Amino acid sequence: MFSYKIVKVCQQSKARIGILSTPSGKIETPVFMPVGTNGTVKTLTPEELTEIGSQIILSNTYHLYLRPGMEILNNAGGLHKFMNWNKPILTDSGGFQVFSLSRMRKVTDEGVKFSSYLDGSTHFITPEKAIEIQKIINSDIIMAFDECTKSGTSYKDSKTAVDRTLRWLERCYNVATNDHQLLFPIVQGNMFKDLRIESIEKTLRYCKCGIAIGGLSVGEESHIMYEVLDVLRPYYPESMPRYLMGVGSPDYIVEGVCRGIDMFDCVLPTRLGRNGTAMTMKGNMTIRNAIYKNDFSPIEDECDCYTCQNYSRAYLRHLINADEALGGRLISLHNIRLLHRLVEKIKDAIKSDSLLTFRDAFMSKYQSRIDKLD
């Protein structure tokens, strides 16, 4: 029920355009996946996501397991029906959240004991349970349970996490038997190139139609992430999509595709939007700043999103500074559309065999922010 077909390879960069077929629809890659952690992309409806070009969303096993819980999701018939989304869904296994959000956790080879960030209650998740939870969620693409390490972790601890992730992967693989769900294994290894190579070499046997790269964009400098991706690139299976987890800034997406990545996700566009920051092709724009008080132009003149077609920077600034929820909602809609537009430009460059030329031109104009502080 799953297949991946490469339809164009850029002769300049070897980046690809491909079609990933799933039971809930086809996904053209490269693709950015908006994050709907709790079964919703914050403040936006499924209909709006479809309108701005979203092909697939990501939801999180850890959060859905804690709330609303498996009984409700099972009774609802799975997450697609529960949230009224008829396109593909990918679920993170919850491994990253267990390690980053829990106030108390104990990791053993059997699994992870942790306390809920909601009420402090104690839970124990094994690789098998992570898969069973995702079966109830009924997502199209499910992730193996892994141990993610933060930037700065020692070689010894990173090696331990790689070995444990591989053992957990085998256990996940043995219970992920649904023919309507596709398991993506996750490559770990922190910033150590030899561990990354060991991880991907031992992971490939479990890859059916996709592979994920985890544990990057966790605090390291960008050039280090790019070096790790460069090391991994020769080992990727050609006939499968490659998913770089938790990465979604415009510069990272452009550089990632140039390094062979096909799928991206990140909370960044909605998180920035709720805090009054708009993403643009040239960098982030802090709408709440005073320089936009009398600026009646759209966020971007060339943007085709609903926000840019109807509202000015001055109005958005007013909403944000008045703590009106509409402000964050409108900017979030723009930010996600911005990333979809960027991917469309990347695909055009792949089609014309000019992605590296596009990258150089894009990066010469892009900076982390394009405005001044008050």
Protein backbone atom coordinates (compact mmCIF):
# COMPACT_ATOMS: atom_id res chain seq x y z
CA MET A 1 0.00 0.00 0.00
CA PHE A 2 3.05 2.23 0.22
CA SER A 3 5.42 3.11 -2.59
CA TYR A 4 7.88 5.85 -3.51
CA LYS A 5 8.49 6.88 -7.09
CA ILE A 6 11.20 9.34 -8.07
CA VAL A 7 9.94 11.55 -10.91
CA LYS A 8 12.83 14.01 -11.30
CA VAL A 9 16.45 14.22 -10.18
CA CYS A 10 18.24 17.58 -10.30
CA GLN A 11 21.38 17.10 -12.36
CA GLN A 12 23.11 19.91 -10.51
CA SER A 13 22.43 18.77 -6.92
CA LYS A 14 21.03 15.21 -7.19
CA ALA A 15 18.03 16.35 -5.10
CA ARG A 16 14.79 14.61 -6.05
CA ILE A 17 11.11 15.13 -6.59
CA GLY A 18 9.18 12.02 -5.64
CA ILE A 19 5.70 10.69 -4.99
CA LEU A 20 5.06 8.81 -1.72
CA SER A 21 1.81 6.86 -2.00
CA THR A 22 -0.08 6.11 1.24
CA PRO A 23 -3.56 4.76 2.05
CA SER A 24 -4.70 8.34 2.78
CA GLY A 25 -3.32 9.91 -0.38
CA LYS A 26 -0.19 10.78 -2.30
CA ILE A 27 2.53 13.13 -1.05
CA GLU A 28 4.84 14.95 -3.44
CA THR A 29 8.30 15.41 -1.98
CA PRO A 30 10.17 17.50 -0.99
CA VAL A 31 7.49 18.32 1.56
CA PHE A 32 7.12 20.37 4.73
CA MET A 33 4.77 18.81 7.29
CA PRO A 34 2.99 21.19 9.69
CA VAL A 35 2.97 19.92 13.26
CA GLY A 36 -0.34 19.18 14.95
CA THR A 37 0.99 17.90 18.26
CA ASN A 38 -2.38 17.46 19.96
CA GLY A 39 -4.34 16.55 16.86
CA THR A 40 -4.50 20.15 15.64
CA VAL A 41 -2.12 22.53 13.94
CA LYS A 42 -2.53 25.31 16.45
CA THR A 43 -5.35 27.77 15.58
CA LEU A 44 -5.81 26.45 12.01
CA THR A 45 -8.56 24.20 10.67
CA PRO A 46 -7.93 21.17 8.44
CA GLU A 47 -9.77 22.98 5.67
CA GLU A 48 -7.40 25.95 5.91
CA LEU A 49 -4.38 23.65 5.87
CA THR A 50 -5.64 22.00 2.70
CA GLU A 51 -6.26 25.39 1.10
CA ILE A 52 -2.70 26.60 1.72
CA GLY A 53 -1.17 23.42 0.33
CA SER A 54 -0.52 21.08 3.27
CA GLN A 55 -0.26 17.48 2.07
CA ILE A 56 0.43 15.73 5.38
CA ILE A 57 0.55 16.72 9.05
CA LEU A 58 2.46 15.36 12.03
CA SER A 59 0.92 14.53 15.39
CA ASN A 60 2.62 13.27 18.52
CA THR A 61 2.18 9.90 20.19
CA TYR A 62 3.32 11.12 23.62
CA HIS A 63 0.84 13.99 23.81
CA LEU A 64 -2.12 12.06 22.36
CA TYR A 65 -1.43 9.14 24.69
CA LEU A 66 -1.68 11.46 27.68
CA ARG A 67 -4.59 13.49 26.32
CA PRO A 68 -7.24 12.69 25.12
CA GLY A 69 -6.04 9.12 25.70
CA MET A 70 -6.26 5.91 23.77
CA GLU A 71 -9.81 5.00 24.74
CA ILE A 72 -11.25 8.15 23.21
CA LEU A 73 -9.14 7.89 20.06
CA ASN A 74 -10.11 4.24 19.66
CA ASN A 75 -13.79 5.07 20.11
CA ALA A 76 -13.44 7.88 17.57
CA GLY A 77 -12.04 5.49 14.98
CA GLY A 78 -8.57 6.98 14.92
CA LEU A 79 -7.11 10.45 14.58
CA HIS A 80 -8.19 11.10 10.98
CA LYS A 81 -11.85 10.88 11.95
CA PHE A 82 -11.37 12.53 15.34
CA MET A 83 -9.88 15.71 13.82
CA ASN A 84 -11.60 15.58 10.41
CA TRP A 85 -8.39 15.32 8.38
CA ASN A 86 -8.60 13.10 5.29
CA LYS A 87 -4.98 13.35 4.17
CA PRO A 88 -1.92 11.45 5.46
CA ILE A 89 -0.78 11.71 9.09
CA LEU A 90 2.67 10.93 10.48
CA THR A 91 3.08 10.31 14.19
CA ASP A 92 6.31 10.80 16.10
CA SER A 93 6.89 7.89 18.47
CA GLY A 94 7.07 10.20 21.49
CA GLY A 95 10.70 9.37 22.19
CA PHE A 96 11.92 12.94 21.88
CA GLN A 97 9.13 14.27 24.12
CA VAL A 98 9.80 11.64 26.79
CA PHE A 99 13.39 12.82 27.02
CA SER A 100 12.75 16.56 26.67
CA LEU A 101 9.53 17.17 28.64
CA SER A 102 9.47 14.69 31.48
CA ARG A 103 10.38 15.97 34.93
CA MET A 104 11.27 12.42 35.92
CA ARG A 105 12.39 9.61 33.66
CA LYS A 106 14.31 6.39 33.97
CA VAL A 107 15.62 4.73 30.84
CA THR A 108 16.28 0.99 30.72
CA ASP A 109 16.64 -1.46 27.87
CA GLU A 110 13.03 -2.47 28.49
CA GLY A 111 11.62 1.04 28.02
CA VAL A 112 11.18 4.43 29.67
CA LYS A 113 9.44 5.22 32.94
CA PHE A 114 8.42 8.87 33.04
CA SER A 115 6.13 11.36 34.72
CA SER A 116 3.40 13.15 32.81
CA TYR A 117 3.99 16.84 32.20
CA LEU A 118 0.26 17.32 32.76
CA ASP A 119 -0.31 15.90 36.22
CA GLY A 120 2.87 14.12 37.33
CA SER A 121 1.34 10.66 36.94
CA THR A 122 3.78 7.83 36.22
CA HIS A 123 3.82 5.95 32.92
CA PHE A 124 5.96 3.29 31.29
CA ILE A 125 6.39 3.08 27.52
CA THR A 126 8.16 0.23 25.79
CA PRO A 127 8.93 0.09 22.05
CA GLU A 128 6.02 -2.31 21.68
CA LYS A 129 3.65 0.04 23.48
CA ALA A 130 4.76 2.99 21.35
CA ILE A 131 3.75 1.05 18.25
CA GLU A 132 0.47 -0.15 19.77
CA ILE A 133 -0.43 3.45 20.63
CA GLN A 134 0.27 4.50 17.04
CA LYS A 135 -1.90 1.65 15.79
CA ILE A 136 -4.82 3.08 17.77
CA ILE A 137 -4.06 6.58 16.49
CA ASN A 138 -4.15 4.92 13.06
CA SER A 139 -1.63 7.24 11.45
CA ASP A 140 -0.27 6.41 8.02
CA ILE A 141 3.43 6.76 8.86
CA ILE A 142 4.61 5.66 12.30
CA MET A 143 8.00 6.21 13.91
CA ALA A 144 10.15 3.73 15.78
CA PHE A 145 10.72 4.43 19.49
CA ASP A 146 14.22 5.85 19.88
CA GLU A 147 16.53 7.46 22.40
CA CYS A 148 17.38 11.01 21.39
CA THR A 149 20.44 12.68 22.92
CA LYS A 150 20.99 16.42 23.22
CA SER A 151 23.89 18.34 21.72
CA GLY A 152 26.98 17.99 23.91
CA THR A 153 26.26 14.41 24.99
CA SER A 154 29.47 12.40 25.43
CA TYR A 155 30.60 9.81 22.90
CA LYS A 156 30.05 7.01 25.40
CA ASP A 157 26.46 8.04 26.18
CA SER A 158 25.75 8.65 22.49
CA LYS A 159 27.00 5.16 21.66
CA THR A 160 24.78 3.69 24.38
CA ALA A 161 21.79 5.53 22.90
CA VAL A 162 22.57 4.29 19.38
CA ASP A 163 22.80 0.68 20.56
CA ARG A 164 19.58 0.97 22.56
CA THR A 165 17.77 2.64 19.65
CA LEU A 166 18.78 -0.25 17.38
CA ARG A 167 17.53 -2.84 19.88
CA TRP A 168 14.29 -0.92 20.27
CA LEU A 169 13.97 -0.67 16.49
CA GLU A 170 14.01 -4.43 16.11
CA ARG A 171 11.27 -4.72 18.73
CA CYS A 172 9.20 -2.03 16.99
CA TYR A 173 9.70 -3.75 13.64
CA ASN A 174 8.47 -7.06 15.01
CA VAL A 175 5.12 -5.62 16.17
CA ALA A 176 4.51 -3.06 13.38
CA THR A 177 2.56 -5.51 11.24
CA ASN A 178 -0.27 -3.35 9.87
CA ASP A 179 -0.19 -3.23 6.08
CA HIS A 180 -1.81 0.22 6.18
CA GLN A 181 0.92 1.75 8.36
CA LEU A 182 4.51 2.40 7.32
CA LEU A 183 7.29 2.26 9.94
CA PHE A 184 10.12 4.76 9.59
CA PRO A 185 13.28 3.74 11.49
CA ILE A 186 15.30 6.59 13.02
CA VAL A 187 19.05 7.13 12.68
CA GLN A 188 20.76 8.51 15.78
CA GLY A 189 24.39 9.09 16.80
CA ASN A 190 24.48 12.70 17.99
CA MET A 191 27.24 14.69 16.24
CA PHE A 192 29.68 11.77 16.02
CA LYS A 193 30.13 10.82 12.39
CA ASP A 194 31.26 7.25 13.01
CA LEU A 195 28.22 6.62 15.23
CA ARG A 196 25.94 8.07 12.58
CA ILE A 197 27.42 5.75 9.96
CA GLU A 198 27.12 2.76 12.29
CA SER A 199 23.53 3.68 13.07
CA ILE A 200 22.42 4.05 9.45
CA GLU A 201 24.23 0.90 8.30
CA LYS A 202 22.49 -1.18 10.97
CA THR A 203 19.15 0.57 10.41
CA LEU A 204 18.83 -0.02 6.66
CA ARG A 205 17.63 -3.62 6.99
CA TYR A 206 14.51 -2.36 8.75
CA CYS A 207 13.65 0.26 6.11
CA LYS A 208 10.70 -0.65 3.90
CA CYS A 209 9.80 2.68 2.32
CA GLY A 210 11.40 5.46 4.36
CA ILE A 211 14.11 6.44 6.81
CA ALA A 212 14.33 9.25 9.36
CA ILE A 213 17.27 11.24 10.70
CA GLY A 214 16.76 12.19 14.35
CA GLY A 215 18.77 14.07 16.93
CA LEU A 216 19.73 17.07 14.78
CA SER A 217 18.79 20.73 15.24
CA VAL A 218 18.97 20.12 18.99
CA GLY A 219 21.32 22.96 19.85
CA GLU A 220 24.29 22.37 17.59
CA GLU A 221 25.54 25.01 15.13
CA SER A 222 24.13 24.74 11.63
CA HIS A 223 27.42 23.82 9.98
CA ILE A 224 27.71 20.79 12.27
CA MET A 225 24.25 19.57 11.22
CA TYR A 226 25.19 20.01 7.57
CA GLU A 227 28.40 18.03 8.10
CA VAL A 228 26.43 15.15 9.63
CA LEU A 229 23.98 15.19 6.72
CA ASP A 230 26.87 15.19 4.25
CA VAL A 231 28.34 12.13 5.97
CA LEU A 232 25.01 10.28 5.87
CA ARG A 233 24.07 11.09 2.29
CA PRO A 234 26.02 8.28 0.56
CA TYR A 235 24.23 5.71 2.77
CA TYR A 236 20.63 6.71 2.03
CA PRO A 237 18.55 4.19 0.08
CA GLU A 238 17.77 5.75 -3.30
CA SER A 239 14.24 4.37 -3.55
CA MET A 240 12.93 5.73 -0.23
CA PRO A 241 12.11 9.18 1.16
CA ARG A 242 14.50 10.61 3.77
CA TYR A 243 12.93 12.53 6.67
CA LEU A 244 14.89 15.07 8.72
CA MET A 245 13.00 15.30 12.00
CA GLY A 246 12.19 18.59 13.71
CA VAL A 247 13.75 20.88 11.11
CA GLY A 248 11.74 23.66 9.47
CA SER A 249 13.45 27.02 9.10
CA PRO A 250 13.68 28.19 5.46
CA ASP A 251 17.48 28.05 5.33
CA TYR A 252 17.57 24.55 6.85
CA ILE A 253 14.97 23.31 4.36
CA VAL A 254 16.90 24.64 1.38
CA GLU A 255 20.20 23.23 2.64
CA GLY A 256 18.54 19.96 3.63
CA VAL A 257 17.04 19.31 0.20
CA CYS A 258 20.44 20.04 -1.35
CA ARG A 259 21.79 17.27 0.89
CA GLY A 260 19.24 14.68 -0.20
CA ILE A 261 16.43 15.22 2.35
CA ASP A 262 12.83 14.82 1.19
CA MET A 263 10.64 15.45 4.27
CA PHE A 264 10.70 18.06 7.04
CA ASP A 265 8.56 18.99 10.05
CA CYS A 266 8.77 21.66 12.72
CA VAL A 267 6.64 23.59 15.22
CA LEU A 268 8.52 26.76 14.24
CA PRO A 269 5.97 28.43 11.90
CA THR A 270 3.10 28.28 14.38
CA ARG A 271 5.25 28.95 17.44
CA LEU A 272 6.70 32.05 15.79
CA GLY A 273 3.25 33.08 14.62
CA ARG A 274 1.75 32.94 18.10
CA ASN A 275 4.60 35.12 19.33
CA GLY A 276 4.15 37.73 16.61
CA THR A 277 6.98 36.77 14.24
CA ALA A 278 6.38 36.33 10.53
CA MET A 279 8.62 34.22 8.31
CA THR A 280 9.67 35.65 4.94
CA MET A 281 11.91 34.58 2.09
CA LYS A 282 14.54 36.98 3.42
CA GLY A 283 14.30 36.23 7.14
CA ASN A 284 12.03 36.61 10.18
CA MET A 285 10.02 39.77 10.75
CA THR A 286 9.06 40.70 14.33
CA ILE A 287 5.66 42.22 13.65
CA ARG A 288 5.21 43.57 17.17
CA ASN A 289 8.08 46.04 16.65
CA ALA A 290 7.23 49.76 16.49
CA ILE A 291 8.61 50.16 12.96
CA TYR A 292 5.45 48.46 11.68
CA LYS A 293 2.98 50.75 13.49
CA ASN A 294 2.14 52.67 10.29
CA ASP A 295 3.20 50.05 7.78
CA PHE A 296 0.12 49.19 5.74
CA SER A 297 1.81 46.76 3.36
CA PRO A 298 1.36 42.98 3.62
CA ILE A 299 3.98 40.78 5.24
CA GLU A 300 5.25 39.94 1.75
CA ASP A 301 4.03 41.58 -1.45
CA GLU A 302 4.45 38.40 -3.50
CA CYS A 303 2.73 36.08 -1.00
CA ASP A 304 -0.59 34.57 -2.07
CA CYS A 305 -1.81 33.59 1.42
CA TYR A 306 -5.09 34.83 2.89
CA THR A 307 -3.26 36.97 5.44
CA CYS A 308 -1.13 38.83 2.92
CA GLN A 309 -4.06 39.29 0.55
CA ASN A 310 -6.22 40.92 3.22
CA TYR A 311 -4.24 42.36 6.16
CA SER A 312 -1.39 44.79 6.75
CA ARG A 313 1.65 44.63 8.98
CA ALA A 314 0.18 47.51 11.01
CA TYR A 315 -3.05 45.60 11.68
CA LEU A 316 -1.20 42.41 12.57
CA ARG A 317 1.03 44.41 14.93
CA HIS A 318 -2.07 45.86 16.58
CA LEU A 319 -3.57 42.40 17.08
CA ILE A 320 -0.37 40.97 18.55
CA ASN A 321 0.20 43.87 20.93
CA ALA A 322 -3.46 43.76 22.00
CA ASP A 323 -3.09 40.03 22.75
CA GLU A 324 -5.79 39.18 20.24
CA ALA A 325 -5.71 35.52 19.21
CA LEU A 326 -6.47 36.43 15.60
CA GLY A 327 -3.01 37.96 15.23
CA GLY A 328 -1.16 34.75 15.96
CA ARG A 329 -3.61 32.78 13.86
CA LEU A 330 -3.15 34.97 10.78
CA ILE A 331 0.63 34.99 11.06
CA SER A 332 0.71 31.21 11.59
CA LEU A 333 -1.32 30.73 8.43
CA HIS A 334 1.14 32.92 6.53
CA ASN A 335 4.17 31.15 7.98
CA ILE A 336 3.03 27.69 6.94
CA ARG A 337 2.09 28.94 3.48
CA LEU A 338 5.54 30.57 3.28
CA LEU A 339 7.23 27.21 3.81
CA HIS A 340 4.97 25.52 1.26
CA ARG A 341 5.78 28.29 -1.23
CA LEU A 342 9.47 27.80 -0.54
CA VAL A 343 9.19 24.08 -1.24
CA GLU A 344 7.36 24.88 -4.48
CA LYS A 345 10.28 27.12 -5.51
CA ILE A 346 12.71 24.34 -4.60
CA LYS A 347 10.78 21.90 -6.79
CA ASP A 348 10.86 24.35 -9.69
CA ALA A 349 14.65 24.59 -9.28
CA ILE A 350 14.94 20.79 -9.25
CA LYS A 351 12.88 20.59 -12.43
CA SER A 352 15.20 23.06 -14.12
CA ASP A 353 18.37 21.33 -12.81
CA SER A 354 19.37 24.50 -10.96
CA LEU A 355 18.88 23.84 -7.24
CA LEU A 356 22.41 24.80 -6.19
CA THR A 357 22.08 28.07 -8.13
CA PHE A 358 18.75 28.67 -6.38
CA ARG A 359 20.34 27.88 -3.00
CA ASP A 360 23.18 30.35 -3.52
CA ALA A 361 20.80 33.12 -4.55
CA PHE A 362 18.42 32.37 -1.68
CA MET A 363 21.11 32.21 0.99
CA SER A 364 22.71 35.45 -0.20
CA LYS A 365 19.48 37.26 0.76
CA TYR A 366 18.37 35.22 3.77
CA GLN A 367 19.23 36.17 7.34
CA SER A 368 17.83 35.16 10.70
CA ARG A 369 15.88 38.40 11.03
CA ILE A 370 15.31 41.36 8.74
CA ASP A 371 14.11 44.06 11.11
CA LYS A 372 15.43 46.03 14.04
CA LEU A 373 14.63 45.83 17.72
CA ASP A 374 12.60 48.65 19.25
